């Protein structure tokens, strides 16, 4: 999937304490309003491409106040957005 919301819809939620590198970190106020995604790398940090044309960087997971969910991509997901 291309957009952050579509990527969330194609993933399964991860419970706190079970987050591992490679999981996706989603930002928004609801599943329908997800607007950004980063890749968890460990120790509370994500790989983040803030905007097109900017360098990819390491940022803390809580860099935005609307952290919505952490999830793993799956082949079979039926989540509504």
PDB file of N, CA and C in Angstrom:
ATOM      1  N   UNK A   1       0.813  -1.202   0.000  1.00  0.00           N
ATOM      2  CA  UNK A   1       0.000   0.000   0.000  1.00  0.00           C
ATOM      3  C   UNK A   1       0.854   1.262   0.000  1.00  0.00           C
ATOM      4  N   UNK A   2       0.368   2.329  -0.603  1.00  0.00           N
ATOM      5  CA  UNK A   2       1.136   3.549  -0.736  1.00  0.00           C
ATOM      6  C   UNK A   2       0.947   4.515   0.430  1.00  0.00           C
ATOM      7  N   UNK A   3      -0.287   4.794   0.839  1.00  0.00           N
ATOM      8  CA  UNK A   3      -0.493   5.801   1.882  1.00  0.00           C
ATOM      9  C   UNK A   3      -0.368   5.188   3.271  1.00  0.00           C
ATOM     10  N   UNK A   4      -0.133   6.057   4.261  1.00  0.00           N
ATOM     11  CA  UNK A   4      -0.023   5.593   5.646  1.00  0.00           C
ATOM     12  C   UNK A   4      -1.312   4.908   6.094  1.00  0.00           C
ATOM     13  N   UNK A   5      -2.469   5.457   5.749  1.00  0.00           N
ATOM     14  CA  UNK A   5      -3.742   4.848   6.143  1.00  0.00           C
ATOM     15  C   UNK A   5      -3.917   3.473   5.491  1.00  0.00           C
ATOM     16  N   UNK A   6      -3.535   3.341   4.231  1.00  0.00           N
ATOM     17  CA  UNK A   6      -3.623   2.046   3.549  1.00  0.00           C
ATOM     18  C   UNK A   6      -2.656   1.041   4.167  1.00  0.00           C
ATOM     19  N   UNK A   7      -1.476   1.501   4.574  1.00  0.00           N
ATOM     20  CA  UNK A   7      -0.508   0.616   5.223  1.00  0.00           C
ATOM     21  C   UNK A   7      -1.051   0.131   6.565  1.00  0.00           C
ATOM     22  N   UNK A   8      -1.714   1.027   7.306  1.00  0.00           N
ATOM     23  CA  UNK A   8      -2.316   0.618   8.572  1.00  0.00           C
ATOM     24  C   UNK A   8      -3.397  -0.437   8.335  1.00  0.00           C
ATOM     25  N   UNK A   9      -4.212  -0.227   7.319  1.00  0.00           N
ATOM     26  CA  UNK A   9      -5.283  -1.173   7.014  1.00  0.00           C
ATOM     27  C   UNK A   9      -4.737  -2.554   6.646  1.00  0.00           C
ATOM     28  N   UNK A  10      -3.509  -2.619   6.165  1.00  0.00           N
ATOM     29  CA  UNK A  10      -2.880  -3.888   5.770  1.00  0.00           C
ATOM     30  C   UNK A  10      -1.938  -4.403   6.855  1.00  0.00           C
ATOM     31  N   UNK A  11      -2.246  -4.091   8.111  1.00  0.00           N
ATOM     32  CA  UNK A  11      -1.367  -4.491   9.212  1.00  0.00           C
ATOM     33  C   UNK A  11      -2.181  -4.981  10.402  1.00  0.00           C
ATOM     34  N   UNK A  12      -1.477  -5.587  11.346  1.00  0.00           N
ATOM     35  CA  UNK A  12      -2.083  -6.061  12.591  1.00  0.00           C
ATOM     36  C   UNK A  12      -1.481  -5.284  13.753  1.00  0.00           C
ATOM     37  N   UNK A  13      -2.298  -4.802  14.687  1.00  0.00           N
ATOM     38  CA  UNK A  13      -1.789  -4.036  15.830  1.00  0.00           C
ATOM     39  C   UNK A  13      -0.783  -4.845  16.658  1.00  0.00           C
ATOM     40  N   UNK A  14       0.155  -4.140  17.246  1.00  0.00           N
ATOM     41  CA  UNK A  14       1.162  -4.724  18.124  1.00  0.00           C
ATOM     42  C   UNK A  14       0.920  -4.155  19.523  1.00  0.00           C
ATOM     43  N   UNK A  15       0.869  -5.014  20.517  1.00  0.00           N
ATOM     44  CA  UNK A  15       0.645  -4.565  21.900  1.00  0.00           C
ATOM     45  C   UNK A  15       1.908  -3.923  22.461  1.00  0.00           C
ATOM     46  N   UNK A  16       1.734  -2.950  23.364  1.00  0.00           N
ATOM     47  CA  UNK A  16       2.918  -2.375  24.034  1.00  0.00           C
ATOM     48  C   UNK A  16       3.733  -3.505  24.671  1.00  0.00           C
ATOM     49  N   UNK A  17       5.014  -3.384  24.624  1.00  0.00           N
ATOM     50  CA  UNK A  17       5.894  -4.416  25.156  1.00  0.00           C
ATOM     51  C   UNK A  17       6.244  -5.488  24.140  1.00  0.00           C
ATOM     52  N   UNK A  18       5.539  -5.522  23.006  1.00  0.00           N
ATOM     53  CA  UNK A  18       5.826  -6.502  21.963  1.00  0.00           C
ATOM     54  C   UNK A  18       6.351  -5.839  20.693  1.00  0.00           C
ATOM     55  N   UNK A  19       6.623  -4.549  20.772  1.00  0.00           N
ATOM     56  CA  UNK A  19       7.133  -3.804  19.621  1.00  0.00           C
ATOM     57  C   UNK A  19       8.554  -4.263  19.321  1.00  0.00           C
ATOM     58  N   UNK A  20       8.845  -4.466  18.036  1.00  0.00           N
ATOM     59  CA  UNK A  20      10.201  -4.864  17.655  1.00  0.00           C
ATOM     60  C   UNK A  20      10.621  -4.108  16.394  1.00  0.00           C
ATOM     61  N   UNK A  21      11.930  -4.026  16.168  1.00  0.00           N
ATOM     62  CA  UNK A  21      12.407  -3.324  14.973  1.00  0.00           C
ATOM     63  C   UNK A  21      11.714  -3.841  13.710  1.00  0.00           C
ATOM     64  N   UNK A  22      11.367  -2.901  12.840  1.00  0.00           N
ATOM     65  CA  UNK A  22      10.664  -3.228  11.613  1.00  0.00           C
ATOM     66  C   UNK A  22       9.169  -2.988  11.683  1.00  0.00           C
ATOM     67  N   UNK A  23       8.622  -2.873  12.912  1.00  0.00           N
ATOM     68  CA  UNK A  23       7.205  -2.559  13.047  1.00  0.00           C
ATOM     69  C   UNK A  23       6.953  -1.139  12.553  1.00  0.00           C
ATOM     70  N   UNK A  24       5.722  -0.891  12.128  1.00  0.00           N
ATOM     71  CA  UNK A  24       5.350   0.426  11.618  1.00  0.00           C
ATOM     72  C   UNK A  24       4.651   1.225  12.708  1.00  0.00           C
ATOM     73  N   UNK A  25       4.997   2.502  12.814  1.00  0.00           N
ATOM     74  CA  UNK A  25       4.456   3.401  13.828  1.00  0.00           C
ATOM     75  C   UNK A  25       3.588   4.426  13.097  1.00  0.00           C
ATOM     76  N   UNK A  26       2.300   4.473  13.471  1.00  0.00           N
ATOM     77  CA  UNK A  26       1.319   5.297  12.758  1.00  0.00           C
ATOM     78  C   UNK A  26       0.880   6.485  13.600  1.00  0.00           C
ATOM     79  N   UNK A  27       0.647   7.609  12.916  1.00  0.00           N
ATOM     80  CA  UNK A  27       0.241   8.855  13.560  1.00  0.00           C
ATOM     81  C   UNK A  27      -1.075   9.348  12.959  1.00  0.00           C
ATOM     82  N   UNK A  28      -1.993   9.744  13.830  1.00  0.00           N
ATOM     83  CA  UNK A  28      -3.302  10.262  13.442  1.00  0.00           C
ATOM     84  C   UNK A  28      -4.220  10.166  14.645  1.00  0.00           C
ATOM     85  N   UNK A  29      -5.412  10.712  14.537  1.00  0.00           N
ATOM     86  CA  UNK A  29      -6.356  10.669  15.655  1.00  0.00           C
ATOM     87  C   UNK A  29      -7.326   9.503  15.569  1.00  0.00           C
ATOM     88  N   UNK A  30      -7.370   8.833  14.430  1.00  0.00           N
ATOM     89  CA  UNK A  30      -8.213   7.653  14.223  1.00  0.00           C
ATOM     90  C   UNK A  30      -7.645   6.894  13.030  1.00  0.00           C
ATOM     91  N   UNK A  31      -8.161   5.699  12.793  1.00  0.00           N
ATOM     92  CA  UNK A  31      -7.690   4.921  11.639  1.00  0.00           C
ATOM     93  C   UNK A  31      -7.932   5.677  10.334  1.00  0.00           C
ATOM     94  N   UNK A  32      -9.027   6.403  10.269  1.00  0.00           N
ATOM     95  CA  UNK A  32      -9.352   7.142   9.046  1.00  0.00           C
ATOM     96  C   UNK A  32      -8.507   8.395   8.862  1.00  0.00           C
ATOM     97  N   UNK A  33      -7.896   8.883   9.945  1.00  0.00           N
ATOM     98  CA  UNK A  33      -7.129  10.133   9.838  1.00  0.00           C
ATOM     99  C   UNK A  33      -5.617   9.924   9.922  1.00  0.00           C
ATOM    100  N   UNK A  34      -5.154   8.681   9.784  1.00  0.00           N
ATOM    101  CA  UNK A  34      -3.713   8.431   9.820  1.00  0.00           C
ATOM    102  C   UNK A  34      -3.045   9.219   8.699  1.00  0.00           C
ATOM    103  N   UNK A  35      -2.005   9.959   9.062  1.00  0.00           N
ATOM    104  CA  UNK A  35      -1.360  10.846   8.099  1.00  0.00           C
ATOM    105  C   UNK A  35       0.138  10.613   7.966  1.00  0.00           C
ATOM    106  N   UNK A  36       0.726   9.763   8.822  1.00  0.00           N
ATOM    107  CA  UNK A  36       2.175   9.581   8.775  1.00  0.00           C
ATOM    108  C   UNK A  36       2.524   8.206   9.321  1.00  0.00           C
ATOM    109  N   UNK A  37       3.613   7.641   8.814  1.00  0.00           N
ATOM    110  CA  UNK A  37       4.099   6.352   9.289  1.00  0.00           C
ATOM    111  C   UNK A  37       5.619   6.395   9.345  1.00  0.00           C
ATOM    112  N   UNK A  38       6.187   5.761  10.370  1.00  0.00           N
ATOM    113  CA  UNK A  38       7.628   5.597  10.498  1.00  0.00           C
ATOM    114  C   UNK A  38       7.936   4.131  10.743  1.00  0.00           C
ATOM    115  N   UNK A  39       9.204   3.763  10.688  1.00  0.00           N
ATOM    116  CA  UNK A  39       9.640   2.386  10.914  1.00  0.00           C
ATOM    117  C   UNK A  39      10.376   2.326  12.241  1.00  0.00           C
ATOM    118  N   UNK A  40       9.892   1.496  13.155  1.00  0.00           N
ATOM    119  CA  UNK A  40      10.515   1.367  14.467  1.00  0.00           C
ATOM    120  C   UNK A  40      11.890   0.710  14.339  1.00  0.00           C
ATOM    121  N   UNK A  41      12.900   1.300  14.998  1.00  0.00           N
ATOM    122  CA  UNK A  41      14.255   0.745  14.950  1.00  0.00           C
ATOM    123  C   UNK A  41      14.755   0.283  16.310  1.00  0.00           C
ATOM    124  N   UNK A  42      14.014   0.582  17.381  1.00  0.00           N
ATOM    125  CA  UNK A  42      14.402   0.155  18.717  1.00  0.00           C
ATOM    126  C   UNK A  42      14.652   1.328  19.639  1.00  0.00           C
ATOM    127  N   UNK A  43      14.634   1.049  20.935  1.00  0.00           N
ATOM    128  CA  UNK A  43      14.916   2.044  21.974  1.00  0.00           C
ATOM    129  C   UNK A  43      14.060   3.303  21.859  1.00  0.00           C
ATOM    130  N   UNK A  44      12.811   3.144  21.388  1.00  0.00           N
ATOM    131  CA  UNK A  44      11.903   4.280  21.292  1.00  0.00           C
ATOM    132  C   UNK A  44      12.119   5.180  20.097  1.00  0.00           C
ATOM    133  N   UNK A  45      12.885   4.736  19.098  1.00  0.00           N
ATOM    134  CA  UNK A  45      13.176   5.564  17.921  1.00  0.00           C
ATOM    135  C   UNK A  45      12.614   4.941  16.648  1.00  0.00           C
ATOM    136  N   UNK A  46      12.338   5.829  15.676  1.00  0.00           N
ATOM    137  CA  UNK A  46      11.868   5.402  14.361  1.00  0.00           C
ATOM    138  C   UNK A  46      12.760   5.991  13.273  1.00  0.00           C
ATOM    139  N   UNK A  47      12.749   5.354  12.117  1.00  0.00           N
ATOM    140  CA  UNK A  47      13.271   5.976  10.899  1.00  0.00           C
ATOM    141  C   UNK A  47      12.133   6.810  10.350  1.00  0.00           C
ATOM    142  N   UNK A  48      12.434   8.059  10.018  1.00  0.00           N
ATOM    143  CA  UNK A  48      11.394   8.998   9.650  1.00  0.00           C
ATOM    144  C   UNK A  48      11.802   9.807   8.428  1.00  0.00           C
ATOM    145  N   UNK A  49      10.941   9.791   7.423  1.00  0.00           N
ATOM    146  CA  UNK A  49      11.099  10.676   6.259  1.00  0.00           C
ATOM    147  C   UNK A  49      10.008  11.729   6.411  1.00  0.00           C
ATOM    148  N   UNK A  50      10.364  12.863   6.994  1.00  0.00           N
ATOM    149  CA  UNK A  50       9.370  13.865   7.375  1.00  0.00           C
ATOM    150  C   UNK A  50       8.570  14.395   6.197  1.00  0.00           C
ATOM    151  N   UNK A  51       9.250  14.693   5.107  1.00  0.00           N
ATOM    152  CA  UNK A  51       8.605  15.245   3.909  1.00  0.00           C
ATOM    153  C   UNK A  51       9.405  14.830   2.687  1.00  0.00           C
ATOM    154  N   UNK A  52       8.757  14.776   1.532  1.00  0.00           N
ATOM    155  CA  UNK A  52       9.529  14.499   0.311  1.00  0.00           C
ATOM    156  C   UNK A  52      10.652  15.523   0.151  1.00  0.00           C
ATOM    157  N   UNK A  53      11.816  15.043  -0.229  1.00  0.00           N
ATOM    158  CA  UNK A  53      12.952  15.920  -0.452  1.00  0.00           C
ATOM    159  C   UNK A  53      13.810  16.167   0.778  1.00  0.00           C
ATOM    160  N   UNK A  54      13.386  15.678   1.947  1.00  0.00           N
ATOM    161  CA  UNK A  54      14.204  15.842   3.148  1.00  0.00           C
ATOM    162  C   UNK A  54      14.943  14.539   3.442  1.00  0.00           C
ATOM    163  N   UNK A  55      16.023  14.649   4.200  1.00  0.00           N
ATOM    164  CA  UNK A  55      16.793  13.469   4.573  1.00  0.00           C
ATOM    165  C   UNK A  55      15.993  12.580   5.524  1.00  0.00           C
ATOM    166  N   UNK A  56      16.173  11.272   5.390  1.00  0.00           N
ATOM    167  CA  UNK A  56      15.626  10.329   6.353  1.00  0.00           C
ATOM    168  C   UNK A  56      16.451  10.472   7.622  1.00  0.00           C
ATOM    169  N   UNK A  57      15.760  10.417   8.775  1.00  0.00           N
ATOM    170  CA  UNK A  57      16.473  10.634  10.047  1.00  0.00           C
ATOM    171  C   UNK A  57      15.895   9.730  11.124  1.00  0.00           C
ATOM    172  N   UNK A  58      16.634   9.617  12.227  1.00  0.00           N
ATOM    173  CA  UNK A  58      16.152   8.942  13.423  1.00  0.00           C
ATOM    174  C   UNK A  58      15.414   9.966  14.272  1.00  0.00           C
ATOM    175  N   UNK A  59      14.196   9.635  14.694  1.00  0.00           N
ATOM    176  CA  UNK A  59      13.413  10.506  15.566  1.00  0.00           C
ATOM    177  C   UNK A  59      12.801   9.664  16.679  1.00  0.00           C
ATOM    178  N   UNK A  60      12.524  10.272  17.840  1.00  0.00           N
ATOM    179  CA  UNK A  60      11.816   9.537  18.883  1.00  0.00           C
ATOM    180  C   UNK A  60      10.387   9.226  18.434  1.00  0.00           C
ATOM    181  N   UNK A  61       9.853   8.098  18.883  1.00  0.00           N
ATOM    182  CA  UNK A  61       8.490   7.707  18.527  1.00  0.00           C
ATOM    183  C   UNK A  61       7.473   8.777  18.881  1.00  0.00           C
ATOM    184  N   UNK A  62       7.717   9.493  19.962  1.00  0.00           N
ATOM    185  CA  UNK A  62       6.742  10.490  20.421  1.00  0.00           C
ATOM    186  C   UNK A  62       6.985  11.869  19.818  1.00  0.00           C
ATOM    187  N   UNK A  63       7.609  11.903  18.652  1.00  0.00           N
ATOM    188  CA  UNK A  63       7.905  13.179  17.998  1.00  0.00           C
ATOM    189  C   UNK A  63       6.637  13.941  17.627  1.00  0.00           C
ATOM    190  N   UNK A  64       5.526  13.225  17.434  1.00  0.00           N
ATOM    191  CA  UNK A  64       4.231  13.854  17.162  1.00  0.00           C
ATOM    192  C   UNK A  64       3.284  13.478  18.292  1.00  0.00           C
ATOM    193  N   UNK A  65       2.397  14.380  18.637  1.00  0.00           N
ATOM    194  CA  UNK A  65       1.499  14.146  19.771  1.00  0.00           C
ATOM    195  C   UNK A  65       0.364  13.181  19.455  1.00  0.00           C
ATOM    196  N   UNK A  66       0.181  12.822  18.190  1.00  0.00           N
ATOM    197  CA  UNK A  66      -0.943  11.960  17.831  1.00  0.00           C
ATOM    198  C   UNK A  66      -0.517  10.540  17.427  1.00  0.00           C
ATOM    199  N   UNK A  67       0.426   9.967  18.192  1.00  0.00           N
ATOM    200  CA  UNK A  67       0.811   8.570  17.975  1.00  0.00           C
ATOM    201  C   UNK A  67      -0.449   7.719  18.107  1.00  0.00           C
ATOM    202  N   UNK A  68      -0.808   6.996  17.054  1.00  0.00           N
ATOM    203  CA  UNK A  68      -2.067   6.250  17.035  1.00  0.00           C
ATOM    204  C   UNK A  68      -1.865   4.764  17.349  1.00  0.00           C
ATOM    205  N   UNK A  69      -0.904   4.129  16.675  1.00  0.00           N
ATOM    206  CA  UNK A  69      -0.744   2.685  16.838  1.00  0.00           C
ATOM    207  C   UNK A  69       0.598   2.234  16.300  1.00  0.00           C
ATOM    208  N   UNK A  70       0.996   1.045  16.753  1.00  0.00           N
ATOM    209  CA  UNK A  70       2.135   0.332  16.176  1.00  0.00           C
ATOM    210  C   UNK A  70       1.561  -0.955  15.607  1.00  0.00           C
ATOM    211  N   UNK A  71       1.991  -1.326  14.402  1.00  0.00           N
ATOM    212  CA  UNK A  71       1.429  -2.501  13.753  1.00  0.00           C
ATOM    213  C   UNK A  71       2.464  -3.171  12.852  1.00  0.00           C
ATOM    214  N   UNK A  72       2.165  -4.423  12.487  1.00  0.00           N
ATOM    215  CA  UNK A  72       3.008  -5.191  11.562  1.00  0.00           C
ATOM    216  C   UNK A  72       2.222  -5.490  10.298  1.00  0.00           C
ATOM    217  N   UNK A  73       2.842  -5.309   9.151  1.00  0.00           N
ATOM    218  CA  UNK A  73       2.173  -5.649   7.895  1.00  0.00           C
ATOM    219  C   UNK A  73       1.809  -7.137   7.863  1.00  0.00           C
ATOM    220  N   UNK A  74       0.662  -7.447   7.270  1.00  0.00           N
ATOM    221  CA  UNK A  74       0.227  -8.821   7.103  1.00  0.00           C
ATOM    222  C   UNK A  74      -0.305  -9.013   5.690  1.00  0.00           C
ATOM    223  N   UNK A  75      -0.450 -10.226   5.307  1.00  0.00           N
ATOM    224  CA  UNK A  75      -1.039 -10.534   4.012  1.00  0.00           C
ATOM    225  C   UNK A  75      -2.556 -10.422   4.048  1.00  0.00           C
ATOM    226  N   UNK A  76      -3.162 -10.749   5.200  1.00  0.00           N
ATOM    227  CA  UNK A  76      -4.629 -10.808   5.300  1.00  0.00           C
ATOM    228  C   UNK A  76      -5.112  -9.887   6.402  1.00  0.00           C
ATOM    229  N   UNK A  77      -5.601  -8.725   6.027  1.00  0.00           N
ATOM    230  CA  UNK A  77      -6.143  -7.799   7.008  1.00  0.00           C
ATOM    231  C   UNK A  77      -7.484  -7.277   6.502  1.00  0.00           C
ATOM    232  N   UNK A  78      -8.435  -7.185   7.414  1.00  0.00           N
ATOM    233  CA  UNK A  78      -9.763  -6.707   7.034  1.00  0.00           C
ATOM    234  C   UNK A  78     -10.158  -5.465   7.796  1.00  0.00           C
ATOM    235  N   UNK A  79      -9.186  -4.712   8.279  1.00  0.00           N
ATOM    236  CA  UNK A  79      -9.478  -3.504   9.056  1.00  0.00           C
ATOM    237  C   UNK A  79     -10.160  -2.457   8.202  1.00  0.00           C
ATOM    238  N   UNK A  80     -11.143  -1.799   8.781  1.00  0.00           N
ATOM    239  CA  UNK A  80     -11.806  -0.672   8.112  1.00  0.00           C
ATOM    240  C   UNK A  80     -11.047   0.610   8.383  1.00  0.00           C
ATOM    241  N   UNK A  81     -10.974   1.483   7.397  1.00  0.00           N
ATOM    242  CA  UNK A  81     -10.380   2.805   7.620  1.00  0.00           C
ATOM    243  C   UNK A  81     -11.405   3.877   7.336  1.00  0.00           C
TER     244      UNK A  81
END
